[in-house]
Amino acid sequence: MWRAELALKLGDIRLAVDDLVVGNPARNADYPDGPGASDNEQRAWGMDFHKGLGLEFFLYNSRMSKFVHLHTHSHYSLLQALPKVPELVAKAKADGAEALALTDAGNMYGTIEFYKECRAQKIKPIIGVDFYVAARTRKDREPRIDNRRTRLVLLAKNIDGYKNLLKLVTYSHLEGFYYRPRIDKELIEKYHEGLVAISPSFSGEIAQAIRNGNEELAKEWTKFYKNIFGEDFYLEITAHPEMENHGALMERLAGFARTEKAEIV
């Protein structure tokens, strides 16, 4: 599914804030990132990348392209991102984006600022969180086991989803904090209403299982999420030519998604 199509599924939440590779994935000659590389050369590489995954490709910012960033971190993701919220929204506006998501790591500190900035710039704000998911349960805290975690992006479709994000973040800090604020299967099942789930291409359970050659585990997680979120569950595909073997992993992940009839964004 196109990210812009998914953005349309996410309701226009109004908050009373004022009243209240495929090719070679490494940096090399296959990816035109040198000083003399042109936009057209990089776009052509992007077309090849998507074709290799069996996906269509529309040039970003062309008439047919309505790309929406659905997995975005601001400086509220401590030690993980640098952009401030006004900078993110201004860049999205300059690129012609009609919507933008904010999905900081395990928190919603920037939500109100983001919402107000998007409204001021006439961009649809999509409110979300990039959650840490506990390896076992949120209450387990055994060294060398429970310090490991995966990630899950959750986006609010409506006000019920927004309220559930608040609950998930609260419980992750009050009950699940161990190195990071964590949610678990129990919380996901209990507070999934009004939410869209995206399993990240880097640190999602499914991508990690595929990377480790454990397709059965990937199927188990896919089944778990599809049973909860139904048509609102997606696998994330990203293009990072600077990362070694990332393109090959995306090929495998896209093939897995087709086999398991899971949507890709």
Protein backbone atom coordinates (compact mmCIF):
# COMPACT_ATOMS: atom_id res chain seq x y z
CA MET A 1 0.00 0.00 0.00
CA TRP A 2 1.17 3.53 -0.72
CA ARG A 3 1.99 5.44 2.45
CA ALA A 4 -0.23 8.26 1.26
CA GLU A 5 -3.16 5.83 1.01
CA LEU A 6 -2.51 4.66 4.55
CA ALA A 7 -2.33 8.28 5.69
CA LEU A 8 -5.88 8.76 4.38
CA LYS A 9 -7.06 5.88 6.59
CA LEU A 10 -5.75 7.69 9.63
CA GLY A 11 -8.52 9.97 10.83
CA ASP A 12 -8.02 13.71 11.16
CA ILE A 13 -7.68 13.85 14.95
CA ARG A 14 -8.50 17.21 16.49
CA LEU A 15 -7.12 17.98 19.94
CA ALA A 16 -8.26 20.96 22.00
CA VAL A 17 -4.67 21.90 22.71
CA ASP A 18 -5.38 25.62 23.04
CA ASP A 19 -8.16 25.00 25.49
CA LEU A 20 -6.58 22.66 27.11
CA VAL A 21 18.66 -3.81 -3.09
CA VAL A 22 18.24 -4.39 -4.45
CA GLY A 23 21.38 -3.97 -6.45
CA ASN A 24 24.27 -3.58 -4.09
CA PRO A 25 23.06 -2.21 -0.76
CA ALA A 26 26.40 -0.87 0.40
CA ARG A 27 27.83 2.51 -0.47
CA ASN A 28 29.40 1.81 -3.83
CA ALA A 29 29.21 2.54 -7.53
CA ASP A 30 25.71 1.01 -7.79
CA TYR A 31 24.25 3.85 -5.75
CA PRO A 32 24.97 7.32 -7.19
CA ASP A 33 25.77 9.18 -3.98
CA GLY A 34 29.00 10.86 -4.99
CA PRO A 35 29.53 14.62 -5.37
CA GLY A 36 28.55 14.48 -9.04
CA ALA A 37 25.41 12.39 -8.59
CA SER A 38 22.27 13.95 -10.03
CA ASP A 39 18.69 13.73 -8.75
CA ASN A 40 17.72 11.80 -11.88
CA GLU A 41 20.44 9.20 -11.28
CA GLN A 42 19.30 8.68 -7.69
CA ARG A 43 15.66 8.46 -8.78
CA ALA A 44 16.58 5.86 -11.39
CA TRP A 45 18.31 3.84 -8.69
CA GLY A 46 15.17 4.12 -6.57
CA MET A 47 13.07 2.79 -9.45
CA ASP A 48 15.36 -0.23 -9.79
CA PHE A 49 15.22 -0.78 -6.03
CA HIS A 50 11.43 -0.91 -5.95
CA LYS A 51 11.16 -3.00 -9.11
CA GLY A 52 13.49 -5.52 -7.50
CA LEU A 53 11.01 -5.82 -4.64
CA GLY A 54 8.12 -6.29 -7.03
CA LEU A 55 6.72 -2.85 -6.18
CA GLU A 56 5.65 0.04 -8.35
CA PHE A 57 7.54 3.29 -8.01
CA PHE A 58 6.42 6.89 -8.49
CA LEU A 59 9.02 9.64 -8.43
CA TYR A 60 8.96 11.49 -5.14
CA ASN A 61 7.34 14.91 -5.51
CA SER A 62 6.02 14.10 -8.98
CA ARG A 63 2.32 14.57 -9.69
CA MET A 64 1.68 10.88 -9.04
CA SER A 65 3.69 10.85 -5.83
CA LYS A 66 2.04 11.69 -2.52
CA PHE A 67 4.65 10.21 -0.25
CA VAL A 68 4.00 10.46 3.48
CA HIS A 69 6.56 9.83 6.19
CA LEU A 70 4.92 7.42 8.64
CA HIS A 71 7.99 6.58 10.75
CA THR A 72 9.66 9.81 11.84
CA HIS A 73 11.79 10.67 14.86
CA SER A 74 12.45 14.10 16.34
CA HIS A 75 14.95 15.24 18.97
CA TYR A 76 12.50 13.88 21.55
CA SER A 77 13.93 10.46 20.63
CA LEU A 78 16.91 10.93 22.93
CA LEU A 79 20.27 10.02 21.35
CA GLN A 80 18.48 8.69 18.24
CA ALA A 81 17.50 11.78 16.26
CA LEU A 82 18.41 15.46 15.96
CA PRO A 83 15.62 17.29 14.05
CA LYS A 84 13.36 19.55 16.06
CA VAL A 85 9.62 19.41 15.43
CA PRO A 86 9.36 22.76 13.56
CA GLU A 87 12.22 21.68 11.29
CA LEU A 88 10.52 18.37 10.45
CA VAL A 89 7.20 20.04 9.64
CA ALA A 90 8.86 22.79 7.62
CA LYS A 91 10.77 20.20 5.55
CA ALA A 92 7.60 18.19 4.93
CA LYS A 93 5.82 21.38 3.85
CA ALA A 94 8.67 22.33 1.52
CA ASP A 95 8.52 18.87 -0.07
CA GLY A 96 4.82 19.24 -0.76
CA ALA A 97 3.71 16.66 1.79
CA GLU A 98 0.08 16.79 2.84
CA ALA A 99 0.56 14.73 6.00
CA LEU A 100 3.34 13.76 8.40
CA ALA A 101 3.64 11.30 11.28
CA LEU A 102 5.66 11.75 14.43
CA THR A 103 6.74 8.44 15.99
CA ASP A 104 9.29 9.14 18.67
CA ALA A 105 10.92 6.29 20.56
CA GLY A 106 8.69 5.18 23.43
CA ASN A 107 7.30 8.63 24.19
CA MET A 108 4.82 11.33 23.19
CA TYR A 109 6.72 14.34 24.54
CA GLY A 110 6.51 16.15 21.21
CA THR A 111 2.89 15.34 20.37
CA ILE A 112 1.23 18.65 21.26
CA GLU A 113 4.01 20.74 19.75
CA PHE A 114 3.87 18.59 16.61
CA TYR A 115 0.08 18.84 16.39
CA LYS A 116 0.06 22.63 16.71
CA GLU A 117 2.93 23.06 14.24
CA CYS A 118 1.22 20.86 11.63
CA ARG A 119 -2.04 22.76 12.02
CA ALA A 120 -0.20 26.05 11.56
CA GLN A 121 1.48 24.71 8.40
CA LYS A 122 -1.78 23.15 7.12
CA ILE A 123 -0.33 19.63 7.18
CA LYS A 124 -2.30 16.69 8.51
CA PRO A 125 -0.67 15.50 11.76
CA ILE A 126 -0.47 11.74 12.27
CA ILE A 127 0.20 10.92 15.88
CA GLY A 128 2.15 7.78 16.72
CA VAL A 129 4.86 6.13 18.79
CA ASP A 130 7.75 3.84 17.94
CA PHE A 131 7.29 1.47 20.87
CA TYR A 132 9.82 -0.81 22.50
CA VAL A 133 8.39 -4.35 22.77
CA ALA A 134 9.59 -6.58 25.60
CA ALA A 135 11.30 -9.86 24.73
CA ARG A 136 8.97 -11.65 27.16
CA THR A 137 6.59 -9.58 29.30
CA ARG A 138 6.89 -5.98 30.40
CA LYS A 139 7.38 -7.10 34.01
CA ASP A 140 10.33 -9.42 33.32
CA ARG A 141 13.69 -7.91 34.24
CA GLU A 142 16.32 -10.61 34.03
CA PRO A 143 19.79 -9.41 32.94
CA ARG A 144 21.07 -10.50 29.52
CA ILE A 145 17.54 -11.61 28.54
CA ASP A 146 15.11 -8.78 29.12
CA ASN A 147 17.47 -5.99 28.10
CA ARG A 148 16.76 -7.17 24.54
CA ARG A 149 13.72 -5.71 22.84
CA THR A 150 12.14 -5.10 19.44
CA ARG A 151 10.13 -2.20 18.04
CA LEU A 152 6.58 -1.59 16.82
CA VAL A 153 5.22 1.59 15.27
CA LEU A 154 1.63 2.39 16.25
CA LEU A 155 -0.34 5.22 14.63
CA ALA A 156 -3.64 6.67 15.82
CA LYS A 157 -6.55 6.41 13.38
CA ASN A 158 -8.96 8.32 15.59
CA ILE A 159 -9.39 9.76 19.08
CA ASP A 160 -9.79 6.26 20.56
CA GLY A 161 -6.43 5.32 19.07
CA TYR A 162 -4.90 8.49 20.50
CA LYS A 163 -6.19 7.63 23.97
CA ASN A 164 -4.80 4.11 23.62
CA LEU A 165 -1.40 5.51 22.69
CA LEU A 166 -1.49 7.52 25.92
CA LYS A 167 -2.33 4.38 27.91
CA LEU A 168 0.38 2.31 26.24
CA VAL A 169 3.04 4.95 26.85
CA THR A 170 1.93 5.32 30.47
CA TYR A 171 2.04 1.60 31.21
CA SER A 172 5.34 1.20 29.37
CA HIS A 173 6.94 3.68 31.78
CA LEU A 174 5.14 2.73 34.99
CA GLU A 175 5.17 -1.08 34.57
CA GLY A 176 7.53 -1.94 31.74
CA PHE A 177 10.60 0.20 32.25
CA TYR A 178 13.82 -1.80 32.08
CA TYR A 179 16.55 0.11 30.23
CA ARG A 180 13.70 1.43 28.05
CA PRO A 181 9.93 1.83 28.50
CA ARG A 182 8.44 -1.42 27.13
CA ILE A 183 5.05 -2.71 26.14
CA ASP A 184 4.19 -6.38 25.62
CA LYS A 185 1.67 -8.67 23.95
CA GLU A 186 -0.84 -8.23 26.76
CA LEU A 187 -0.90 -4.45 26.43
CA ILE A 188 -0.99 -4.61 22.62
CA GLU A 189 -4.01 -6.91 22.71
CA LYS A 190 -5.77 -4.78 25.33
CA TYR A 191 -5.21 -1.34 23.79
CA HIS A 192 -5.17 -1.92 20.02
CA GLU A 193 -8.46 -0.25 19.12
CA GLY A 194 -8.11 2.72 16.80
CA LEU A 195 -4.49 1.96 15.98
CA VAL A 196 -2.53 1.03 12.86
CA ALA A 197 0.54 -1.16 13.39
CA ILE A 198 3.72 -1.11 11.31
CA SER A 199 6.47 -3.66 11.96
CA PRO A 200 9.73 -1.72 11.31
CA SER A 201 12.26 -2.81 8.71
CA PHE A 202 15.20 -2.51 11.13
CA SER A 203 14.19 -3.71 14.57
CA GLY A 204 10.74 -5.23 14.20
CA GLU A 205 10.31 -8.83 15.32
CA ILE A 206 9.50 -10.00 11.80
CA ALA A 207 12.47 -8.30 10.12
CA GLN A 208 14.79 -9.63 12.81
CA ALA A 209 13.44 -13.16 12.43
CA ILE A 210 13.91 -12.98 8.64
CA ARG A 211 17.44 -11.64 9.12
CA ASN A 212 18.24 -14.55 11.42
CA GLY A 213 16.77 -17.11 9.02
CA ASN A 214 13.89 -17.99 11.36
CA GLU A 215 10.90 -17.79 9.02
CA GLU A 216 8.67 -19.79 11.38
CA LEU A 217 9.11 -17.17 14.08
CA ALA A 218 8.38 -14.46 11.52
CA LYS A 219 5.16 -16.25 10.61
CA GLU A 220 4.17 -16.49 14.27
CA TRP A 221 4.59 -12.77 14.80
CA THR A 222 2.79 -11.95 11.55
CA LYS A 223 -0.15 -14.11 12.60
CA PHE A 224 -0.20 -12.48 16.04
CA TYR A 225 -0.32 -8.96 14.64
CA LYS A 226 -2.79 -9.77 11.86
CA ASN A 227 -5.15 -11.40 14.36
CA ILE A 228 -5.13 -8.20 16.43
CA PHE A 229 -4.96 -5.43 13.83
CA GLY A 230 -6.42 -7.18 10.78
CA GLU A 231 -6.12 -4.95 7.72
CA ASP A 232 -4.41 -2.31 9.85
CA PHE A 233 -1.16 -4.26 10.09
CA TYR A 234 1.74 -3.52 7.73
CA LEU A 235 5.35 -4.49 7.14
CA GLU A 236 7.76 -1.64 6.54
CA ILE A 237 10.12 -1.60 3.55
CA THR A 238 12.90 1.00 3.44
CA ALA A 239 15.72 1.92 1.07
CA HIS A 240 19.08 2.49 2.76
CA PRO A 241 21.83 1.95 0.20
CA GLU A 242 24.44 3.09 2.71
CA MET A 243 23.74 0.05 4.91
CA GLU A 244 25.42 -3.20 4.00
CA ASN A 245 23.01 -6.06 3.21
CA HIS A 246 19.92 -3.94 3.92
CA GLY A 247 18.69 -4.23 0.34
CA ALA A 248 19.02 -8.00 0.39
CA LEU A 249 17.03 -8.13 3.64
CA MET A 250 14.29 -5.98 2.08
CA GLU A 251 14.10 -8.42 -0.84
CA ARG A 252 13.54 -11.28 1.57
CA LEU A 253 11.06 -9.29 3.64
CA ALA A 254 9.04 -8.31 0.56
CA GLY A 255 8.96 -11.92 -0.60
CA PHE A 256 7.84 -13.02 2.86
CA ALA A 257 5.06 -10.40 2.84
CA ARG A 258 3.76 -11.66 -0.49
CA THR A 259 3.75 -15.23 0.75
CA GLU A 260 1.98 -14.35 3.99
CA LYS A 261 -0.38 -11.86 2.28
CA ALA A 262 0.80 -9.03 4.50
CA GLU A 263 0.57 -5.43 3.28
CA ILE A 264 3.75 -3.43 2.75
CA VAL A 265 4.33 0.28 3.28
